[in-house]
C-alpha atoms as a PDB file:
ATOM      1  CA  MET A   1      10.857   4.501 -18.317  1.00  0.00           C
ATOM      2  CA  SER A   2      12.918   7.430 -17.030  1.00  0.00           C
ATOM      3  CA  TYR A   3      12.146   7.497 -13.317  1.00  0.00           C
ATOM      4  CA  ASP A   4      14.349   6.209 -10.507  1.00  0.00           C
ATOM      5  CA  ILE A   5      13.322   3.367  -8.195  1.00  0.00           C
ATOM      6  CA  THR A   6      14.136   3.823  -4.492  1.00  0.00           C
ATOM      7  CA  PHE A   7      13.490   1.405  -1.621  1.00  0.00           C
ATOM      8  CA  ARG A   8      12.996   2.528   1.973  1.00  0.00           C
ATOM      9  CA  PHE A   9      11.905   1.163   5.313  1.00  0.00           C
ATOM     10  CA  LYS A  10      11.717   2.311   8.914  1.00  0.00           C
ATOM     11  CA  PRO A  11       9.234   1.280  11.647  1.00  0.00           C
ATOM     12  CA  VAL A  12       7.256   4.526  11.459  1.00  0.00           C
ATOM     13  CA  TYR A  13       6.074   3.558   7.980  1.00  0.00           C
ATOM     14  CA  GLU A  14       4.324   0.465   9.340  1.00  0.00           C
ATOM     15  CA  PHE A  15       2.992   2.503  12.244  1.00  0.00           C
ATOM     16  CA  MET A  16       1.241   4.769   9.735  1.00  0.00           C
ATOM     17  CA  ASN A  17       0.139   1.879   7.534  1.00  0.00           C
ATOM     18  CA  SER A  18      -1.412   0.002  10.454  1.00  0.00           C
ATOM     19  CA  LEU A  19      -3.410   3.096  11.377  1.00  0.00           C
ATOM     20  CA  HIS A  20      -4.350   3.642   7.736  1.00  0.00           C
ATOM     21  CA  THR A  21      -5.586   0.042   7.552  1.00  0.00           C
ATOM     22  CA  PHE A  22      -7.816   0.388  10.595  1.00  0.00           C
ATOM     23  CA  ILE A  23      -9.291   3.738   9.554  1.00  0.00           C
ATOM     24  CA  CYS A  24      -9.956   2.588   5.966  1.00  0.00           C
ATOM     25  CA  ARG A  25     -13.148   0.712   6.828  1.00  0.00           C
ATOM     26  CA  LYS A  26     -14.189   0.121   3.216  1.00  0.00           C
ATOM     27  CA  SER A  27     -11.149  -2.150   2.777  1.00  0.00           C
ATOM     28  CA  HIS A  28     -11.603  -4.301   5.887  1.00  0.00           C
ATOM     29  CA  LYS A  29     -13.246  -7.138   3.961  1.00  0.00           C
ATOM     30  CA  LYS A  30     -10.409  -7.160   1.438  1.00  0.00           C
ATOM     31  CA  ILE A  31      -7.348  -7.247   3.676  1.00  0.00           C
ATOM     32  CA  GLU A  32      -5.473 -10.436   4.522  1.00  0.00           C
ATOM     33  CA  LEU A  33      -5.779  -9.773   8.261  1.00  0.00           C
ATOM     34  CA  SER A  34      -9.585  -9.933   7.825  1.00  0.00           C
ATOM     35  CA  LEU A  35     -12.373  -8.743  10.092  1.00  0.00           C
ATOM     36  CA  SER A  36     -11.012 -10.794  12.986  1.00  0.00           C
ATOM     37  CA  TRP A  37      -8.036  -8.404  13.176  1.00  0.00           C
ATOM     38  CA  VAL A  38     -10.412  -5.439  13.098  1.00  0.00           C
ATOM     39  CA  LYS A  39     -12.451  -6.858  15.986  1.00  0.00           C
ATOM     40  CA  GLN A  40      -9.382  -7.754  18.014  1.00  0.00           C
ATOM     41  CA  THR A  41      -7.866  -4.299  17.480  1.00  0.00           C
ATOM     42  CA  GLN A  42     -11.181  -2.666  18.331  1.00  0.00           C
ATOM     43  CA  SER A  43     -11.169  -4.464  21.681  1.00  0.00           C
ATOM     44  CA  MET A  44      -7.777  -2.909  22.483  1.00  0.00           C
ATOM     45  CA  LEU A  45      -9.017   0.666  22.037  1.00  0.00           C
ATOM     46  CA  THR A  46     -10.814   2.921  24.465  1.00  0.00           C
ATOM     47  CA  THR A  47     -14.351   3.935  23.563  1.00  0.00           C
ATOM     48  CA  GLU A  48     -13.312   7.562  23.161  1.00  0.00           C
ATOM     49  CA  TYR A  49     -10.417   6.811  20.827  1.00  0.00           C
ATOM     50  CA  SER A  50     -12.451   4.292  18.851  1.00  0.00           C
ATOM     51  CA  SER A  51     -15.036   6.999  18.204  1.00  0.00           C
ATOM     52  CA  LEU A  52     -12.301   9.367  17.066  1.00  0.00           C
ATOM     53  CA  LEU A  53     -11.010   6.825  14.540  1.00  0.00           C
ATOM     54  CA  HIS A  54     -14.514   6.073  13.306  1.00  0.00           C
ATOM     55  CA  GLU A  55     -15.016   9.734  12.425  1.00  0.00           C
ATOM     56  CA  TRP A  56     -11.541  10.296  10.976  1.00  0.00           C
ATOM     57  CA  GLN A  57     -11.355  11.220   7.299  1.00  0.00           C
ATOM     58  CA  MET A  58      -8.478  10.413   4.922  1.00  0.00           C
ATOM     59  CA  ASP A  59      -8.381  13.845   3.330  1.00  0.00           C
ATOM     60  CA  ASP A  60      -5.505  15.988   2.023  1.00  0.00           C
ATOM     61  CA  GLU A  61      -4.139  16.391   5.555  1.00  0.00           C
ATOM     62  CA  TRP A  62      -3.699  12.616   5.757  1.00  0.00           C
ATOM     63  CA  LYS A  63      -1.627  12.675   2.588  1.00  0.00           C
ATOM     64  CA  TYR A  64       0.590  15.409   4.059  1.00  0.00           C
ATOM     65  CA  ALA A  65       0.929  13.408   7.287  1.00  0.00           C
ATOM     66  CA  TYR A  66       2.488  10.650   5.173  1.00  0.00           C
ATOM     67  CA  LEU A  67       4.747  13.203   3.491  1.00  0.00           C
ATOM     68  CA  LEU A  68       6.387  14.104   6.815  1.00  0.00           C
ATOM     69  CA  LEU A  69       7.677  10.525   7.067  1.00  0.00           C
ATOM     70  CA  GLU A  70      10.371  11.605   4.612  1.00  0.00           C
ATOM     71  CA  ARG A  71      12.155  13.463   7.403  1.00  0.00           C
ATOM     72  CA  GLU A  72      15.301  11.534   8.334  1.00  0.00           C
ATOM     73  CA  ASP A  73      14.859  12.193  12.064  1.00  0.00           C
ATOM     74  CA  ILE A  74      11.419  10.529  12.091  1.00  0.00           C
ATOM     75  CA  TYR A  75      12.335   6.848  12.337  1.00  0.00           C
ATOM     76  CA  THR A  76       9.861   5.524  14.910  1.00  0.00           C
ATOM     77  CA  ALA A  77       6.330   6.422  15.998  1.00  0.00           C
ATOM     78  CA  GLU A  78       7.797   8.054  19.089  1.00  0.00           C
ATOM     79  CA  ASP A  79       9.998  10.235  16.863  1.00  0.00           C
ATOM     80  CA  TYR A  80       6.966  11.421  14.917  1.00  0.00           C
ATOM     81  CA  ILE A  81       5.017  12.246  18.082  1.00  0.00           C
ATOM     82  CA  THR A  82       8.012  14.114  19.551  1.00  0.00           C
ATOM     83  CA  PHE A  83       8.419  16.046  16.316  1.00  0.00           C
ATOM     84  CA  LEU A  84       4.796  17.219  16.457  1.00  0.00           C
ATOM     85  CA  GLU A  85       5.119  18.128  20.139  1.00  0.00           C
ATOM     86  CA  ASN A  86       8.297  20.184  19.731  1.00  0.00           C
ATOM     87  CA  THR A  87       7.803  21.849  16.351  1.00  0.00           C
ATOM     88  CA  SER A  88       6.286  25.325  16.121  1.00  0.00           C
ATOM     89  CA  ASP A  89       3.630  26.175  13.555  1.00  0.00           C
ATOM     90  CA  LYS A  90       6.147  28.176  11.543  1.00  0.00           C
ATOM     91  CA  ASP A  91       8.746  25.394  11.593  1.00  0.00           C
ATOM     92  CA  LEU A  92       6.132  22.834  10.595  1.00  0.00           C
ATOM     93  CA  LEU A  93       5.123  24.933   7.619  1.00  0.00           C
ATOM     94  CA  ASP A  94       8.792  25.360   6.701  1.00  0.00           C
ATOM     95  CA  GLN A  95       9.197  21.587   6.755  1.00  0.00           C
ATOM     96  CA  PHE A  96       6.256  21.171   4.417  1.00  0.00           C
ATOM     97  CA  ILE A  97       7.602  23.873   2.094  1.00  0.00           C
ATOM     98  CA  SER A  98      10.990  22.153   1.887  1.00  0.00           C
ATOM     99  CA  LEU A  99       9.512  18.717   1.193  1.00  0.00           C
ATOM    100  CA  CYS A 100       7.001  20.061  -1.320  1.00  0.00           C
ATOM    101  CA  LYS A 101       9.695  21.990  -3.174  1.00  0.00           C
ATOM    102  CA  ASP A 102      11.810  18.858  -3.536  1.00  0.00           C
ATOM    103  CA  TRP A 103       8.875  16.841  -4.846  1.00  0.00           C
ATOM    104  CA  ASN A 104       7.233  19.621  -6.875  1.00  0.00           C
ATOM    105  CA  PHE A 105       4.068  19.368  -4.811  1.00  0.00           C
ATOM    106  CA  GLU A 106       1.637  22.059  -3.689  1.00  0.00           C
ATOM    107  CA  ILE A 107       2.240  23.656  -0.298  1.00  0.00           C
ATOM    108  CA  PRO A 108      -0.542  22.853   2.211  1.00  0.00           C
ATOM    109  CA  GLU A 109      -3.082  25.544   3.018  1.00  0.00           C
ATOM    110  CA  PHE A 110      -4.545  24.058   6.191  1.00  0.00           C
ATOM    111  CA  GLU A 111      -3.883  25.529   9.631  1.00  0.00           C
ATOM    112  CA  MET A 112      -0.621  24.200  11.058  1.00  0.00           C
ATOM    113  CA  ASN A 113      -1.651  24.377  14.721  1.00  0.00           C
ATOM    114  CA  ARG A 114      -4.827  22.398  14.102  1.00  0.00           C
ATOM    115  CA  PHE A 115      -2.944  19.792  12.079  1.00  0.00           C
ATOM    116  CA  ARG A 116      -0.241  19.421  14.718  1.00  0.00           C
ATOM    117  CA  GLU A 117      -2.648  19.041  17.646  1.00  0.00           C
ATOM    118  CA  ARG A 118      -4.990  16.625  15.874  1.00  0.00           C
ATOM    119  CA  TYR A 119      -2.271  14.327  14.619  1.00  0.00           C
ATOM    120  CA  LYS A 120      -0.300  14.423  17.835  1.00  0.00           C
ATOM    121  CA  GLU A 121      -3.321  13.015  19.688  1.00  0.00           C
ATOM    122  CA  LEU A 122      -4.136  10.555  16.907  1.00  0.00           C
ATOM    123  CA  PHE A 123      -0.611   9.127  16.761  1.00  0.00           C
ATOM    124  CA  TYR A 124       0.022   9.069  20.498  1.00  0.00           C
ATOM    125  CA  GLU A 125      -3.087   7.026  21.255  1.00  0.00           C
ATOM    126  CA  TRP A 126      -2.584   4.601  18.353  1.00  0.00           C
ATOM    127  CA  ASN A 127       0.970   3.972  19.460  1.00  0.00           C
ATOM    128  CA  GLU A 128      -0.043   3.409  23.084  1.00  0.00           C
ATOM    129  CA  GLN A 129      -3.159   1.357  22.470  1.00  0.00           C
ATOM    130  CA  TYR A 130      -2.093  -0.713  19.446  1.00  0.00           C
ATOM    131  CA  PHE A 131       1.328  -0.364  17.847  1.00  0.00           C
ATOM    132  CA  LYS A 132       3.410  -0.902  20.987  1.00  0.00           C
ATOM    133  CA  GLN A 133       1.675  -4.269  21.381  1.00  0.00           C
ATOM    134  CA  LEU A 134       2.449  -5.348  17.825  1.00  0.00           C
ATOM    135  CA  SER A 135       4.760  -8.354  17.505  1.00  0.00           C
ATOM    136  CA  PRO A 136       8.326  -7.220  16.695  1.00  0.00           C
ATOM    137  CA  GLU A 137       8.387 -10.012  14.102  1.00  0.00           C
ATOM    138  CA  VAL A 138       6.327  -7.819  11.775  1.00  0.00           C
ATOM    139  CA  CYS A 139       8.931  -5.065  11.481  1.00  0.00           C
ATOM    140  CA  LYS A 140      11.744  -7.637  11.404  1.00  0.00           C
ATOM    141  CA  ALA A 141      10.110  -9.323   8.406  1.00  0.00           C
ATOM    142  CA  LEU A 142       9.597  -5.984   6.682  1.00  0.00           C
ATOM    143  CA  GLN A 143      13.222  -5.024   7.323  1.00  0.00           C
ATOM    144  CA  ALA A 144      14.334  -8.326   5.775  1.00  0.00           C
ATOM    145  CA  GLU A 145      12.087  -7.742   2.747  1.00  0.00           C
ATOM    146  CA  TYR A 146      13.584  -4.274   2.347  1.00  0.00           C
ATOM    147  CA  ALA A 147      17.112  -5.723   2.451  1.00  0.00           C
ATOM    148  CA  VAL A 148      16.269  -8.263  -0.254  1.00  0.00           C
ATOM    149  CA  ARG A 149      14.807  -5.625  -2.573  1.00  0.00           C
ATOM    150  CA  LEU A 150      17.725  -3.293  -1.967  1.00  0.00           C
ATOM    151  CA  ALA A 151      20.121  -6.046  -2.993  1.00  0.00           C
ATOM    152  CA  GLU A 152      18.050  -6.830  -6.091  1.00  0.00           C
ATOM    153  CA  LYS A 153      18.338  -3.228  -7.212  1.00  0.00           C
ATOM    154  CA  GLU A 154      22.028  -3.830  -7.874  1.00  0.00           C
ATOM    155  CA  TYR A 155      21.385  -6.276 -10.701  1.00  0.00           C
ATOM    156  CA  LYS A 156      17.750  -5.976 -11.823  1.00  0.00           C
ATOM    157  CA  SER A 157      16.252  -3.415 -14.182  1.00  0.00           C
ATOM    158  CA  ALA A 158      13.851  -0.756 -12.925  1.00  0.00           C
ATOM    159  CA  ASP A 159      11.028  -2.341 -14.951  1.00  0.00           C
ATOM    160  CA  SER A 160      11.639  -5.732 -13.368  1.00  0.00           C
ATOM    161  CA  LEU A 161      11.914  -4.287  -9.852  1.00  0.00           C
ATOM    162  CA  LEU A 162       8.651  -2.380 -10.138  1.00  0.00           C
ATOM    163  CA  ASP A 163       6.839  -5.351 -11.641  1.00  0.00           C
ATOM    164  CA  GLU A 164       8.020  -7.936  -9.117  1.00  0.00           C
ATOM    165  CA  THR A 165       7.697  -5.684  -6.078  1.00  0.00           C
ATOM    166  CA  THR A 166       4.230  -4.261  -6.723  1.00  0.00           C
ATOM    167  CA  ARG A 167       2.880  -7.269  -8.636  1.00  0.00           C
ATOM    168  CA  GLY A 168       1.585  -5.242 -11.532  1.00  0.00           C
ATOM    169  CA  LEU A 169       1.569  -1.466 -10.999  1.00  0.00           C
ATOM    170  CA  VAL A 170       2.552   0.487 -14.114  1.00  0.00           C
ATOM    171  CA  PHE A 171       3.272   4.230 -14.144  1.00  0.00           C
ATOM    172  CA  GLY A 172       4.761   4.527 -17.613  1.00  0.00           C
ATOM    173  CA  ARG A 173       2.478   7.347 -18.805  1.00  0.00           C
ATOM    174  CA  THR A 174       2.815   9.626 -15.800  1.00  0.00           C
ATOM    175  CA  GLU A 175       4.083  13.023 -16.975  1.00  0.00           C
ATOM    176  CA  GLY A 176       6.853  14.653 -14.921  1.00  0.00           C
ATOM    177  CA  LEU A 177       7.478  11.576 -12.774  1.00  0.00           C
ATOM    178  CA  ILE A 178      11.153  11.321 -11.739  1.00  0.00           C
ATOM    179  CA  ARG A 179      11.095   8.835  -8.822  1.00  0.00           C
ATOM    180  CA  ILE A 180       9.096   6.001  -7.305  1.00  0.00           C
ATOM    181  CA  VAL A 181       9.664   5.196  -3.642  1.00  0.00           C
ATOM    182  CA  LEU A 182       8.784   1.596  -2.718  1.00  0.00           C
ATOM    183  CA  ILE A 183       8.146   0.740   0.933  1.00  0.00           C
ATOM    184  CA  PRO A 184       7.128  -2.745   2.163  1.00  0.00           C
ATOM    185  CA  GLN A 185       3.997  -2.932   4.314  1.00  0.00           C
ATOM    186  CA  TYR A 186       2.217  -5.742   6.135  1.00  0.00           C
ATOM    187  CA  HIS A 187      -1.140  -4.591   7.484  1.00  0.00           C
ATOM    188  CA  PHE A 188      -2.844  -3.570   4.236  1.00  0.00           C
ATOM    189  CA  GLN A 189      -2.026  -6.774   2.310  1.00  0.00           C
ATOM    190  CA  PRO A 190      -2.887  -7.671  -0.413  1.00  0.00           C
ATOM    191  CA  LEU A 191      -3.606  -4.035  -1.272  1.00  0.00           C
ATOM    192  CA  HIS A 192      -1.143  -1.199  -1.822  1.00  0.00           C
ATOM    193  CA  ILE A 193      -1.150   2.318  -0.378  1.00  0.00           C
ATOM    194  CA  PHE A 194       0.286   4.900  -2.725  1.00  0.00           C
ATOM    195  CA  TRP A 195       0.408   8.665  -3.029  1.00  0.00           C
ATOM    196  CA  HIS A 196       1.337  10.886  -5.947  1.00  0.00           C
ATOM    197  CA  TYR A 197       3.338  13.977  -4.908  1.00  0.00           C
ATOM    198  CA  GLY A 198       4.171  16.019  -8.004  1.00  0.00           C
ATOM    199  CA  ASN A 199       7.269  14.332  -9.410  1.00  0.00           C
ATOM    200  CA  THR A 200       7.250  11.443  -6.906  1.00  0.00           C
ATOM    201  CA  ILE A 201       5.040   8.432  -6.277  1.00  0.00           C
ATOM    202  CA  VAL A 202       5.320   6.721  -2.896  1.00  0.00           C
ATOM    203  CA  CYS A 203       4.006   3.158  -2.924  1.00  0.00           C
ATOM    204  CA  HIS A 204       3.650   1.193   0.298  1.00  0.00           C
ATOM    205  CA  TYR A 205       3.442  -2.202  -1.363  1.00  0.00           C
ATOM    206  CA  ALA A 206       2.038  -5.453  -0.018  1.00  0.00           C
ATOM    207  CA  ALA A 207       5.183  -7.295   1.039  1.00  0.00           C
ATOM    208  CA  PRO A 208       5.070 -11.066   0.364  1.00  0.00           C
ATOM    209  CA  ILE A 209       5.639 -11.998   3.991  1.00  0.00           C
ATOM    210  CA  TYR A 210       3.710 -14.607   5.952  1.00  0.00           C
ATOM    211  CA  LEU A 211       4.030 -15.042   9.713  1.00  0.00           C
ATOM    212  CA  GLY A 212       1.704 -18.013  10.102  1.00  0.00           C
ATOM    213  CA  ASP A 213       2.056 -21.798  10.145  1.00  0.00           C
ATOM    214  CA  ASP A 214       4.530 -23.153   7.586  1.00  0.00           C
ATOM    215  CA  ALA A 215       2.280 -26.189   7.095  1.00  0.00           C
ATOM    216  CA  VAL A 216      -0.396 -23.921   5.587  1.00  0.00           C
ATOM    217  CA  ILE A 217      -0.087 -22.593   2.057  1.00  0.00           C
ATOM    218  CA  PRO A 218       0.812 -18.867   2.224  1.00  0.00           C
ATOM    219  CA  PRO A 219      -2.223 -16.580   1.740  1.00  0.00           C
ATOM    220  CA  HIS A 220      -0.796 -14.858  -1.336  1.00  0.00           C
ATOM    221  CA  ASP A 221      -0.412 -18.224  -3.125  1.00  0.00           C
ATOM    222  CA  LEU A 222      -3.857 -19.393  -2.060  1.00  0.00           C
ATOM    223  CA  ARG A 223      -5.315 -16.109  -3.259  1.00  0.00           C
ATOM    224  CA  VAL A 224      -3.988 -16.708  -6.786  1.00  0.00           C
ATOM    225  CA  ILE A 225      -5.446 -20.206  -6.927  1.00  0.00           C
ATOM    226  CA  ARG A 226      -8.846 -19.038  -5.676  1.00  0.00           C
ATOM    227  CA  SER A 227      -8.972 -16.121  -8.104  1.00  0.00           C
ATOM    228  CA  LEU A 228      -8.728 -18.513 -11.046  1.00  0.00           C
ATOM    229  CA  GLY A 229     -11.679 -20.637  -9.922  1.00  0.00           C
ATOM    230  CA  GLU A 230     -14.358 -18.389 -11.444  1.00  0.00           C
ATOM    231  CA  LYS A 231     -15.462 -18.313 -15.072  1.00  0.00           C
ATOM    232  CA  ASN A 232     -15.865 -14.522 -15.391  1.00  0.00           C
ATOM    233  CA  ARG A 233     -12.353 -13.900 -14.109  1.00  0.00           C
ATOM    234  CA  LEU A 234     -10.987 -16.355 -16.642  1.00  0.00           C
ATOM    235  CA  LYS A 235     -13.046 -14.521 -19.252  1.00  0.00           C
ATOM    236  CA  ILE A 236     -11.385 -11.254 -18.220  1.00  0.00           C
ATOM    237  CA  LEU A 237      -7.921 -12.783 -18.551  1.00  0.00           C
ATOM    238  CA  LYS A 238      -8.775 -14.156 -22.000  1.00  0.00           C
ATOM    239  CA  TYR A 239     -10.110 -10.751 -23.075  1.00  0.00           C
ATOM    240  CA  LEU A 240      -7.034  -8.895 -21.810  1.00  0.00           C
ATOM    241  CA  HIS A 241      -4.782 -11.318 -23.663  1.00  0.00           C
ATOM    242  CA  GLN A 242      -5.808  -9.319 -26.754  1.00  0.00           C
ATOM    243  CA  GLY A 243      -4.355  -6.125 -25.253  1.00  0.00           C
ATOM    244  CA  PRO A 244      -4.932  -3.470 -22.550  1.00  0.00           C
ATOM    245  CA  ARG A 245      -8.544  -2.509 -21.849  1.00  0.00           C
ATOM    246  CA  SER A 246     -10.284   0.137 -19.757  1.00  0.00           C
ATOM    247  CA  PHE A 247     -12.668  -0.753 -16.945  1.00  0.00           C
ATOM    248  CA  ILE A 248     -15.698   0.221 -19.047  1.00  0.00           C
ATOM    249  CA  GLU A 249     -14.524  -1.976 -21.910  1.00  0.00           C
ATOM    250  CA  ILE A 250     -14.267  -4.928 -19.533  1.00  0.00           C
ATOM    251  CA  VAL A 251     -17.757  -4.204 -18.139  1.00  0.00           C
ATOM    252  CA  ARG A 252     -19.213  -4.216 -21.653  1.00  0.00           C
ATOM    253  CA  HIS A 253     -17.387  -7.396 -22.557  1.00  0.00           C
ATOM    254  CA  LEU A 254     -18.645  -9.292 -19.506  1.00  0.00           C
ATOM    255  CA  GLU A 255     -22.138  -7.777 -19.705  1.00  0.00           C
ATOM    256  CA  LEU A 256     -22.206  -7.601 -15.929  1.00  0.00           C
ATOM    257  CA  SER A 257     -22.759  -4.695 -13.534  1.00  0.00           C
ATOM    258  CA  LYS A 258     -19.909  -2.321 -12.699  1.00  0.00           C
ATOM    259  CA  GLY A 259     -19.918  -3.496  -9.086  1.00  0.00           C
ATOM    260  CA  ILE A 260     -19.586  -7.190  -9.906  1.00  0.00           C
ATOM    261  CA  THR A 261     -16.986  -6.489 -12.593  1.00  0.00           C
ATOM    262  CA  HIS A 262     -14.970  -4.347 -10.175  1.00  0.00           C
ATOM    263  CA  ASP A 263     -15.025  -7.183  -7.617  1.00  0.00           C
ATOM    264  CA  HIS A 264     -13.690  -9.661 -10.181  1.00  0.00           C
ATOM    265  CA  ILE A 265     -10.942  -7.251 -11.279  1.00  0.00           C
ATOM    266  CA  SER A 266      -9.985  -6.525  -7.654  1.00  0.00           C
ATOM    267  CA  LYS A 267      -9.489 -10.220  -6.951  1.00  0.00           C
ATOM    268  CA  LEU A 268      -7.352 -10.642 -10.076  1.00  0.00           C
ATOM    269  CA  ARG A 269      -5.308  -7.548  -9.180  1.00  0.00           C
ATOM    270  CA  SER A 270      -4.714  -8.597  -5.578  1.00  0.00           C
ATOM    271  CA  SER A 271      -3.510 -11.940  -6.908  1.00  0.00           C
ATOM    272  CA  GLY A 272      -0.982 -10.236  -9.150  1.00  0.00           C
ATOM    273  CA  LEU A 273      -2.576 -11.505 -12.357  1.00  0.00           C
ATOM    274  CA  LEU A 274      -3.229  -8.064 -13.856  1.00  0.00           C
ATOM    275  CA  TYR A 275      -1.218  -4.975 -14.633  1.00  0.00           C
ATOM    276  CA  ALA A 276      -2.914  -1.778 -13.450  1.00  0.00           C
ATOM    277  CA  HIS A 277      -1.821   1.181 -15.562  1.00  0.00           C
ATOM    278  CA  PHE A 278      -1.846   4.549 -13.784  1.00  0.00           C
ATOM    279  CA  ASP A 279      -1.577   8.153 -14.854  1.00  0.00           C
ATOM    280  CA  GLY A 280      -0.702   9.809 -11.556  1.00  0.00           C
ATOM    281  CA  GLU A 281      -3.293   8.436  -9.132  1.00  0.00           C
ATOM    282  CA  ASN A 282      -5.813   7.711 -11.912  1.00  0.00           C
ATOM    283  CA  LEU A 283      -6.175   4.102 -13.011  1.00  0.00           C
ATOM    284  CA  ILE A 284      -6.701   4.157 -16.772  1.00  0.00           C
ATOM    285  CA  GLU A 285      -6.547   0.547 -17.994  1.00  0.00           C
ATOM    286  CA  TYR A 286      -5.657  -3.064 -17.261  1.00  0.00           C
ATOM    287  CA  SER A 287      -3.599  -5.701 -19.029  1.00  0.00           C
ATOM    288  CA  ILE A 288      -2.749  -9.331 -18.350  1.00  0.00           C
ATOM    289  CA  ARG A 289       0.349 -10.211 -16.313  1.00  0.00           C
ATOM    290  CA  SER A 290       0.983 -13.481 -18.098  1.00  0.00           C
ATOM    291  CA  HIS A 291       4.133 -14.578 -16.285  1.00  0.00           C
ATOM    292  CA  ALA A 292       2.215 -14.583 -12.987  1.00  0.00           C
ATOM    293  CA  LEU A 293       0.053 -17.368 -14.372  1.00  0.00           C
ATOM    294  CA  ARG A 294       3.140 -19.449 -15.006  1.00  0.00           C
ATOM    295  CA  GLN A 295       4.192 -18.973 -11.385  1.00  0.00           C
ATOM    296  CA  VAL A 296       0.973 -20.556 -10.098  1.00  0.00           C
ATOM    297  CA  GLU A 297       2.088 -24.085 -10.970  1.00  0.00           C
ATOM    298  CA  ARG A 298       5.526 -23.587  -9.418  1.00  0.00           C
ATOM    299  CA  SER A 299       4.057 -22.210  -6.176  1.00  0.00           C
ATOM    300  CA  LEU A 300       1.573 -25.058  -5.906  1.00  0.00           C
ATOM    301  CA  LEU A 301       4.185 -27.735  -6.543  1.00  0.00           C
ATOM    302  CA  HIS A 302       6.551 -26.099  -4.067  1.00  0.00           C
ATOM    303  CA  TYR A 303       3.867 -26.310  -1.382  1.00  0.00           C
ATOM    304  CA  ILE A 304       2.848 -29.890  -2.175  1.00  0.00           C
ATOM    305  CA  GLU A 305       6.381 -31.222  -2.482  1.00  0.00           C
ATOM    306  CA  GLY A 306       7.544 -29.385   0.607  1.00  0.00           C
END
């Protein structure tokens, strides 16, 4: 592996990730916050803004909106909104050109004025109606997670850092990749949000933080235990013990539908029991993450023994 691993965090990242989580309706049943969070958040929004979010599409513009987070002067949601308010169309395009040049990514072709006005409204209302009400403990926990990972970078290998942080993402075959930026996120757990920009992959990974009752087993540990209580998932793990396999190979082995197979794989992935091998943003195959199985017993005993 020849790419560099970089860790980052600032509150605006979680601002974007919280909005991403709410807009990404197809993932609402999969996230740790569950549908109760969706309903509660929905109740905080005006009817007009709720309709806007319902119609919003995560297209190429959305990916470029994430790219602007790389600006050093955009640290908070308010900074991002101010930037959009005070930046001319020409300056905005210049910012995109500079960032795209550094990351060897294509320059956007959409209209700058339209982008600026749409996202200024989108971000302002989300900040006012939701993010300002978010418990400060969320960003504090993410900041602490970032500090831990930054310290680990001093003595752990890049392979180990990527494995432990993302719980199984592999980018070893990605041509031209020179850096991976890892950013802890809370709202989209246990899923990851990642974007491929030319020579850079930005992964907003599911940080292993839990803000609930200490007397309850943490959701990420419970998720692992539950994922093992199904015969077809155990069959997948046994099959992958022989070596990496594509999704279609796993479907044929199980003799189940693609939809059911995908659901089983998703549960194993979110539990950190599988490696997902990517070429850019394309998932090409899976393999077993054996050492995660060995951690199940330790996590369970730690909970039981207190």
